[in-house]
C-alpha atoms as a PDB file:
ATOM      1  CA  MET A   1    -249.826  -9.993-138.275  1.00  0.00           C
ATOM      2  CA  ILE A   2    -246.928 -11.699-140.542  1.00  0.00           C
ATOM      3  CA  LEU A   3    -243.517 -11.731-139.783  1.00  0.00           C
ATOM      4  CA  LEU A   4    -240.159 -12.598-140.830  1.00  0.00           C
ATOM      5  CA  ALA A   5    -237.720 -13.924-138.104  1.00  0.00           C
ATOM      6  CA  PHE A   6    -233.599 -15.034-139.374  1.00  0.00           C
ATOM      7  CA  ASP A   7    -230.722 -15.277-136.959  1.00  0.00           C
ATOM      8  CA  THR A   8    -226.744 -15.123-137.817  1.00  0.00           C
ATOM      9  CA  ALA A   9    -225.067 -14.924-134.548  1.00  0.00           C
ATOM     10  CA  GLN A  10    -224.369 -18.592-133.951  1.00  0.00           C
ATOM     11  CA  GLY A  11    -222.920 -21.529-135.959  1.00  0.00           C
ATOM     12  CA  ALA A  12    -226.237 -21.640-138.454  1.00  0.00           C
ATOM     13  CA  LEU A  13    -228.204 -19.176-140.650  1.00  0.00           C
ATOM     14  CA  SER A  14    -231.946 -19.928-140.761  1.00  0.00           C
ATOM     15  CA  ALA A  15    -235.007 -17.445-142.029  1.00  0.00           C
ATOM     16  CA  ALA A  16    -238.650 -17.975-141.541  1.00  0.00           C
ATOM     17  CA  VAL A  17    -242.351 -16.541-141.881  1.00  0.00           C
ATOM     18  CA  LEU A  18    -245.223 -17.110-139.652  1.00  0.00           C
ATOM     19  CA  ASP A  19    -248.229 -15.874-140.708  1.00  0.00           C
ATOM     20  CA  GLY A  20    -249.725 -15.729-136.810  1.00  0.00           C
ATOM     21  CA  GLU A  21    -249.104 -18.559-135.104  1.00  0.00           C
ATOM     22  CA  GLU A  22    -248.381 -20.465-138.681  1.00  0.00           C
ATOM     23  CA  GLU A  23    -245.536 -20.964-139.721  1.00  0.00           C
ATOM     24  CA  ILE A  24    -245.438 -20.690-143.571  1.00  0.00           C
ATOM     25  CA  ALA A  25    -242.276 -21.176-144.864  1.00  0.00           C
ATOM     26  CA  SER A  26    -238.473 -21.999-143.324  1.00  0.00           C
ATOM     27  CA  LEU A  27    -235.145 -22.634-144.134  1.00  0.00           C
ATOM     28  CA  PHE A  28    -231.800 -23.919-141.444  1.00  0.00           C
ATOM     29  CA  GLU A  29    -228.561 -24.759-142.521  1.00  0.00           C
ATOM     30  CA  GLU A  30    -225.239 -24.646-139.619  1.00  0.00           C
ATOM     31  CA  ARG A  31    -222.982 -22.805-141.149  1.00  0.00           C
ATOM     32  CA  THR A  32    -220.292 -20.829-139.418  1.00  0.00           C
ATOM     33  CA  ARG A  33    -218.956 -18.897-142.199  1.00  0.00           C
ATOM     34  CA  GLY A  34    -220.686 -16.276-144.910  1.00  0.00           C
ATOM     35  CA  HIS A  35    -223.515 -15.619-143.050  1.00  0.00           C
ATOM     36  CA  ALA A  36    -223.369 -12.087-144.806  1.00  0.00           C
ATOM     37  CA  GLU A  37    -223.346 -13.824-148.528  1.00  0.00           C
ATOM     38  CA  ALA A  38    -225.680 -16.055-147.442  1.00  0.00           C
ATOM     39  CA  LEU A  39    -228.170 -14.337-145.619  1.00  0.00           C
ATOM     40  CA  MET A  40    -230.378 -11.936-147.817  1.00  0.00           C
ATOM     41  CA  PRO A  41    -230.931 -14.679-150.452  1.00  0.00           C
ATOM     42  CA  MET A  42    -231.886 -17.305-148.351  1.00  0.00           C
ATOM     43  CA  VAL A  43    -234.607 -14.689-147.059  1.00  0.00           C
ATOM     44  CA  GLU A  44    -235.936 -13.878-150.392  1.00  0.00           C
ATOM     45  CA  THR A  45    -235.784 -17.657-150.424  1.00  0.00           C
ATOM     46  CA  VAL A  46    -238.058 -18.433-147.913  1.00  0.00           C
ATOM     47  CA  LEU A  47    -240.297 -15.241-148.938  1.00  0.00           C
ATOM     48  CA  ALA A  48    -240.695 -16.781-152.195  1.00  0.00           C
ATOM     49  CA  GLU A  49    -241.765 -19.630-150.782  1.00  0.00           C
ATOM     50  CA  ALA A  50    -244.480 -18.312-147.936  1.00  0.00           C
ATOM     51  CA  ALA A  51    -245.748 -16.204-151.724  1.00  0.00           C
ATOM     52  CA  LEU A  52    -244.696 -12.823-150.439  1.00  0.00           C
ATOM     53  CA  GLY A  53    -242.686  -9.846-150.229  1.00  0.00           C
ATOM     54  CA  PHE A  54    -241.143  -7.812-148.531  1.00  0.00           C
ATOM     55  CA  ALA A  55    -244.328  -4.948-148.760  1.00  0.00           C
ATOM     56  CA  ASP A  56    -246.472  -7.737-146.881  1.00  0.00           C
ATOM     57  CA  LEU A  57    -244.031  -8.229-143.720  1.00  0.00           C
ATOM     58  CA  ASP A  58    -245.921  -6.207-140.820  1.00  0.00           C
ATOM     59  CA  ALA A  59    -242.640  -7.200-138.033  1.00  0.00           C
ATOM     60  CA  LEU A  60    -239.318  -8.375-138.152  1.00  0.00           C
ATOM     61  CA  ALA A  61    -237.545 -10.812-135.943  1.00  0.00           C
ATOM     62  CA  VAL A  62    -233.827 -11.203-135.031  1.00  0.00           C
ATOM     63  CA  THR A  63    -231.262 -12.517-132.617  1.00  0.00           C
ATOM     64  CA  VAL A  64    -229.298  -9.585-130.354  1.00  0.00           C
ATOM     65  CA  GLY A  65    -226.627 -12.305-129.112  1.00  0.00           C
ATOM     66  CA  PRO A  66    -224.815 -13.884-127.015  1.00  0.00           C
ATOM     67  CA  GLY A  67    -223.137 -15.115-130.431  1.00  0.00           C
ATOM     68  CA  THR A  68    -219.924 -14.300-132.536  1.00  0.00           C
ATOM     69  CA  PHE A  69    -219.194 -10.180-133.339  1.00  0.00           C
ATOM     70  CA  THR A  70    -219.369 -10.421-136.756  1.00  0.00           C
ATOM     71  CA  GLY A  71    -222.324 -12.734-136.582  1.00  0.00           C
ATOM     72  CA  LEU A  72    -224.543 -10.358-134.868  1.00  0.00           C
ATOM     73  CA  ARG A  73    -223.314  -7.350-137.057  1.00  0.00           C
ATOM     74  CA  VAL A  74    -224.579  -9.045-140.000  1.00  0.00           C
ATOM     75  CA  GLY A  75    -228.128  -9.903-138.950  1.00  0.00           C
ATOM     76  CA  LEU A  76    -228.719  -6.777-136.751  1.00  0.00           C
ATOM     77  CA  ALA A  77    -227.635  -4.430-139.816  1.00  0.00           C
ATOM     78  CA  ALA A  78    -229.897  -6.123-142.063  1.00  0.00           C
ATOM     79  CA  ALA A  79    -233.084  -6.585-139.738  1.00  0.00           C
ATOM     80  CA  ARG A  80    -232.300  -2.695-139.011  1.00  0.00           C
ATOM     81  CA  GLY A  81    -232.289  -1.818-142.581  1.00  0.00           C
ATOM     82  CA  ILE A  82    -235.016  -3.793-143.356  1.00  0.00           C
ATOM     83  CA  ALA A  83    -237.329  -2.463-140.480  1.00  0.00           C
ATOM     84  CA  LEU A  84    -235.869   1.192-141.174  1.00  0.00           C
ATOM     85  CA  SER A  85    -236.812   1.358-144.652  1.00  0.00           C
ATOM     86  CA  LEU A  86    -240.636  -0.373-144.118  1.00  0.00           C
ATOM     87  CA  ASP A  87    -241.492   1.283-141.221  1.00  0.00           C
ATOM     88  CA  LEU A  88    -241.981  -2.078-139.080  1.00  0.00           C
ATOM     89  CA  PRO A  89    -241.631  -3.499-135.567  1.00  0.00           C
ATOM     90  CA  LEU A  90    -238.194  -4.816-134.571  1.00  0.00           C
ATOM     91  CA  VAL A  91    -237.944  -7.754-132.031  1.00  0.00           C
ATOM     92  CA  GLY A  92    -234.676  -8.575-130.571  1.00  0.00           C
ATOM     93  CA  VAL A  93    -234.217 -12.516-128.992  1.00  0.00           C
ATOM     94  CA  THR A  94    -230.732 -13.357-127.649  1.00  0.00           C
ATOM     95  CA  THR A  95    -229.875 -16.903-128.729  1.00  0.00           C
ATOM     96  CA  LEU A  96    -230.211 -18.811-125.272  1.00  0.00           C
ATOM     97  CA  GLU A  97    -234.304 -17.740-125.889  1.00  0.00           C
ATOM     98  CA  ALA A  98    -234.020 -19.642-129.019  1.00  0.00           C
ATOM     99  CA  ILE A  99    -232.526 -22.702-128.601  1.00  0.00           C
ATOM    100  CA  ALA A 100    -234.745 -22.799-125.115  1.00  0.00           C
ATOM    101  CA  GLU A 101    -237.893 -22.500-126.736  1.00  0.00           C
ATOM    102  CA  PRO A 102    -238.172 -25.748-128.689  1.00  0.00           C
ATOM    103  CA  VAL A 103    -237.368 -27.539-125.376  1.00  0.00           C
ATOM    104  CA  ALA A 104    -240.531 -29.810-123.288  1.00  0.00           C
ATOM    105  CA  ALA A 105    -239.648 -29.906-120.458  1.00  0.00           C
ATOM    106  CA  GLU A 106    -241.378 -31.001-117.023  1.00  0.00           C
ATOM    107  CA  ALA A 107    -242.931 -29.260-114.452  1.00  0.00           C
ATOM    108  CA  ASP A 108    -240.100 -29.634-112.215  1.00  0.00           C
ATOM    109  CA  GLU A 109    -237.196 -29.467-115.112  1.00  0.00           C
ATOM    110  CA  ILE A 110    -234.747 -26.636-115.754  1.00  0.00           C
ATOM    111  CA  VAL A 111    -234.090 -25.755-118.969  1.00  0.00           C
ATOM    112  CA  LEU A 112    -230.265 -24.592-118.841  1.00  0.00           C
ATOM    113  CA  ALA A 113    -228.738 -23.164-122.243  1.00  0.00           C
ATOM    114  CA  SER A 114    -225.416 -23.104-123.285  1.00  0.00           C
ATOM    115  CA  PHE A 115    -223.114 -22.473-125.865  1.00  0.00           C
ATOM    116  CA  ASP A 116    -219.163 -23.426-125.866  1.00  0.00           C
ATOM    117  CA  ALA A 117    -217.924 -19.785-125.347  1.00  0.00           C
ATOM    118  CA  ARG A 118    -214.036 -21.070-125.756  1.00  0.00           C
ATOM    119  CA  ARG A 119    -211.488 -20.296-123.506  1.00  0.00           C
ATOM    120  CA  ASP A 120    -213.333 -22.501-120.523  1.00  0.00           C
ATOM    121  CA  GLU A 121    -215.938 -20.236-120.387  1.00  0.00           C
ATOM    122  CA  VAL A 122    -220.053 -20.860-121.061  1.00  0.00           C
ATOM    123  CA  TYR A 123    -222.333 -18.487-122.196  1.00  0.00           C
ATOM    124  CA  MET A 124    -225.656 -20.005-120.125  1.00  0.00           C
ATOM    125  CA  GLN A 125    -228.891 -19.136-119.161  1.00  0.00           C
ATOM    126  CA  ALA A 126    -231.810 -21.354-116.880  1.00  0.00           C
ATOM    127  CA  PHE A 127    -235.222 -20.954-117.687  1.00  0.00           C
ATOM    128  CA  SER A 128    -238.238 -23.066-115.932  1.00  0.00           C
ATOM    129  CA  ALA A 129    -240.168 -25.330-118.277  1.00  0.00           C
ATOM    130  CA  ASN A 130    -242.799 -22.631-119.112  1.00  0.00           C
ATOM    131  CA  GLY A 131    -239.615 -20.548-120.068  1.00  0.00           C
ATOM    132  CA  THR A 132    -239.845 -17.772-117.139  1.00  0.00           C
ATOM    133  CA  GLU A 133    -236.206 -17.081-116.976  1.00  0.00           C
ATOM    134  CA  ARG A 134    -234.678 -18.139-113.889  1.00  0.00           C
ATOM    135  CA  THR A 135    -231.442 -16.566-114.520  1.00  0.00           C
ATOM    136  CA  GLU A 136    -229.526 -13.561-116.758  1.00  0.00           C
ATOM    137  CA  PRO A 137    -227.780 -14.787-120.121  1.00  0.00           C
ATOM    138  CA  LEU A 138    -224.386 -15.023-118.273  1.00  0.00           C
ATOM    139  CA  LEU A 139    -220.717 -15.224-119.120  1.00  0.00           C
ATOM    140  CA  VAL A 140    -219.272 -17.941-116.860  1.00  0.00           C
ATOM    141  CA  GLY A 141    -215.862 -19.737-116.303  1.00  0.00           C
ATOM    142  CA  LEU A 142    -216.449 -23.662-116.259  1.00  0.00           C
ATOM    143  CA  GLY A 143    -215.813 -23.697-112.590  1.00  0.00           C
ATOM    144  CA  ASP A 144    -218.071 -21.563-111.325  1.00  0.00           C
ATOM    145  CA  VAL A 145    -220.970 -23.045-113.514  1.00  0.00           C
ATOM    146  CA  LEU A 146    -222.706 -25.630-110.847  1.00  0.00           C
ATOM    147  CA  SER A 147    -222.591 -22.892-108.334  1.00  0.00           C
ATOM    148  CA  ARG A 148    -224.611 -20.503-110.343  1.00  0.00           C
ATOM    149  CA  LEU A 149    -227.267 -23.303-111.319  1.00  0.00           C
ATOM    150  CA  PRO A 150    -230.999 -23.074-110.008  1.00  0.00           C
ATOM    151  CA  GLY A 151    -232.109 -26.401-108.019  1.00  0.00           C
ATOM    152  CA  GLY A 152    -233.808 -29.012-109.676  1.00  0.00           C
ATOM    153  CA  PRO A 153    -233.158 -31.410-112.512  1.00  0.00           C
ATOM    154  CA  LEU A 154    -231.934 -30.129-115.704  1.00  0.00           C
ATOM    155  CA  VAL A 155    -232.262 -30.531-119.329  1.00  0.00           C
ATOM    156  CA  LEU A 156    -229.475 -29.730-121.427  1.00  0.00           C
ATOM    157  CA  VAL A 157    -229.856 -27.737-124.864  1.00  0.00           C
ATOM    158  CA  GLY A 158    -227.268 -26.035-127.470  1.00  0.00           C
ATOM    159  CA  THR A 159    -223.276 -26.239-128.076  1.00  0.00           C
ATOM    160  CA  GLY A 160    -222.504 -26.048-124.280  1.00  0.00           C
ATOM    161  CA  THR A 161    -224.249 -29.542-123.440  1.00  0.00           C
ATOM    162  CA  PRO A 162    -221.360 -31.729-123.655  1.00  0.00           C
ATOM    163  CA  LEU A 163    -219.014 -29.144-120.920  1.00  0.00           C
ATOM    164  CA  MET A 164    -222.358 -29.045-118.857  1.00  0.00           C
ATOM    165  CA  ALA A 165    -222.646 -32.596-118.568  1.00  0.00           C
ATOM    166  CA  ASN A 166    -219.132 -33.509-117.868  1.00  0.00           C
ATOM    167  CA  LEU A 167    -219.519 -31.266-114.901  1.00  0.00           C
ATOM    168  CA  LEU A 168    -223.000 -32.516-114.227  1.00  0.00           C
ATOM    169  CA  SER A 169    -222.755 -36.288-114.152  1.00  0.00           C
ATOM    170  CA  ALA A 170    -219.275 -35.421-111.879  1.00  0.00           C
ATOM    171  CA  SER A 171    -221.502 -33.625-109.519  1.00  0.00           C
ATOM    172  CA  GLY A 172    -224.166 -36.166-109.020  1.00  0.00           C
ATOM    173  CA  ARG A 173    -226.541 -33.541-110.681  1.00  0.00           C
ATOM    174  CA  PRO A 174    -229.783 -35.475-112.855  1.00  0.00           C
ATOM    175  CA  PHE A 175    -229.663 -34.148-116.123  1.00  0.00           C
ATOM    176  CA  ARG A 176    -230.774 -35.245-119.602  1.00  0.00           C
ATOM    177  CA  ILE A 177    -230.071 -34.026-122.916  1.00  0.00           C
ATOM    178  CA  ALA A 178    -233.203 -32.147-125.380  1.00  0.00           C
ATOM    179  CA  ASP A 179    -233.383 -33.719-128.263  1.00  0.00           C
ATOM    180  CA  THR A 180    -233.783 -30.210-130.589  1.00  0.00           C
ATOM    181  CA  ARG A 181    -231.345 -28.081-132.358  1.00  0.00           C
ATOM    182  CA  PRO A 182    -228.260 -27.134-130.737  1.00  0.00           C
ATOM    183  CA  GLN A 183    -228.740 -23.685-132.512  1.00  0.00           C
ATOM    184  CA  PRO A 184    -230.621 -21.492-133.020  1.00  0.00           C
ATOM    185  CA  ASP A 185    -233.827 -21.831-135.585  1.00  0.00           C
ATOM    186  CA  ALA A 186    -235.191 -18.690-136.743  1.00  0.00           C
ATOM    187  CA  SER A 187    -238.748 -20.972-136.424  1.00  0.00           C
ATOM    188  CA  ALA A 188    -238.009 -20.615-132.456  1.00  0.00           C
ATOM    189  CA  ILE A 189    -237.392 -17.081-132.621  1.00  0.00           C
ATOM    190  CA  ALA A 190    -240.389 -16.087-134.803  1.00  0.00           C
ATOM    191  CA  ARG A 191    -242.490 -17.846-132.372  1.00  0.00           C
ATOM    192  CA  ILE A 192    -241.427 -16.148-128.905  1.00  0.00           C
ATOM    193  CA  ALA A 193    -241.463 -12.832-131.060  1.00  0.00           C
ATOM    194  CA  VAL A 194    -245.067 -13.494-131.882  1.00  0.00           C
ATOM    195  CA  ARG A 195    -245.568 -13.895-128.211  1.00  0.00           C
ATOM    196  CA  ARG A 196    -244.145 -10.973-127.603  1.00  0.00           C
ATOM    197  CA  PHE A 197    -246.605  -8.660-129.750  1.00  0.00           C
ATOM    198  CA  GLY A 198    -248.988 -10.139-127.603  1.00  0.00           C
ATOM    199  CA  GLU A 199    -248.115  -9.406-124.528  1.00  0.00           C
ATOM    200  CA  LYS A 200    -247.216  -5.078-125.739  1.00  0.00           C
ATOM    201  CA  ASP A 201    -248.351  -3.071-128.424  1.00  0.00           C
ATOM    202  CA  ALA A 202    -246.309  -2.890-131.777  1.00  0.00           C
ATOM    203  CA  GLU A 203    -244.786   0.829-130.679  1.00  0.00           C
ATOM    204  CA  ALA A 204    -242.845  -1.238-127.922  1.00  0.00           C
ATOM    205  CA  PHE A 205    -240.923  -2.458-130.836  1.00  0.00           C
ATOM    206  CA  LEU A 206    -240.007   0.410-132.583  1.00  0.00           C
ATOM    207  CA  ALA A 207    -236.395   1.394-131.648  1.00  0.00           C
ATOM    208  CA  PRO A 208    -233.922  -1.033-132.491  1.00  0.00           C
ATOM    209  CA  PRO A 209    -232.639  -4.060-130.384  1.00  0.00           C
ATOM    210  CA  ALA A 210    -229.584  -3.288-129.187  1.00  0.00           C
ATOM    211  CA  PRO A 211    -226.540  -6.414-129.562  1.00  0.00           C
ATOM    212  CA  LEU A 212    -225.670  -8.518-126.410  1.00  0.00           C
ATOM    213  CA  TYR A 213    -221.875  -8.686-125.778  1.00  0.00           C
ATOM    214  CA  LEU A 214    -221.173 -11.007-122.848  1.00  0.00           C
ATOM    215  CA  ARG A 215    -218.056 -10.817-123.574  1.00  0.00           C
ATOM    216  CA  ALA A 216    -215.693  -8.386-125.546  1.00  0.00           C
ATOM    217  CA  PRO A 217    -215.366  -8.459-129.208  1.00  0.00           C
ATOM    218  CA  ASP A 218    -211.606 -10.330-129.815  1.00  0.00           C
ATOM    219  CA  ALA A 219    -211.295  -7.904-133.029  1.00  0.00           C
ATOM    220  CA  LYS A 220    -208.535  -5.158-132.920  1.00  0.00           C
ATOM    221  CA  LEU A 221    -209.071  -2.012-135.077  1.00  0.00           C
ATOM    222  CA  PRO A 222    -205.745  -0.424-136.683  1.00  0.00           C
ATOM    223  CA  GLY A 223    -203.568   1.006-133.959  1.00  0.00           C
ATOM    224  CA  GLY A 224    -204.921  -1.964-131.506  1.00  0.00           C
ATOM    225  CA  ARG A 225    -207.880   0.119-130.752  1.00  0.00           C
ATOM    226  CA  ASP A 226    -211.203  -2.289-129.775  1.00  0.00           C
ATOM    227  CA  PRO A 227    -213.945  -2.174-131.895  1.00  0.00           C
ATOM    228  CA  GLY A 228    -216.385  -0.959-128.927  1.00  0.00           C
ATOM    229  CA  GLU A 229    -214.208   2.141-127.910  1.00  0.00           C
ATOM    230  CA  ALA A 230    -215.084   5.446-129.194  1.00  0.00           C
ATOM    231  CA  ALA A 231    -213.434   6.748-131.636  1.00  0.00           C
END
């Protein structure tokens, strides 16, 4: 199976191509804006490096959030368009899963993935060392973080790590900081997607994934309406 994955949801842009479990091309760059203009050129570059075209793809994967409203729309729209035009299955992966996946944790450690959501809040999710979800993806105020954590030593990853480290240091909870990227990487997204295809048939991923919004978008339409409101 040849799978293309990409991410535009947070503070980076990345794309990767896997053939089975083997990565054959990938690109990653930190980027806080301009995802819409840069995504397809990056995808085309990655495919060229892999000596492949869109017609060679068997599946796609993309991040569904949490992330910025604009970034999520860019990635999901592109992934849905490619999947529809080529009749390909499309796997949705959360950004929290993506940053937790590369972390090497001991059997008794909990991987705590988090993003700084501003406004004294974080997006967060806890995972066992084997990747099993210990909590759902959450939007949590800093004052409530400690009460939402499972017990055990923690491994911190993501842009919310400095906030988490301050809270945990003050509480005396044992933790360490992962040496992996704090932003989603398409290579991890692709690995997660490949594992999901090993668990379910491709038909399970023919319906396009929905975005994961843990906070209502800040943007307003003319007249003050929320973009999520019905016309």
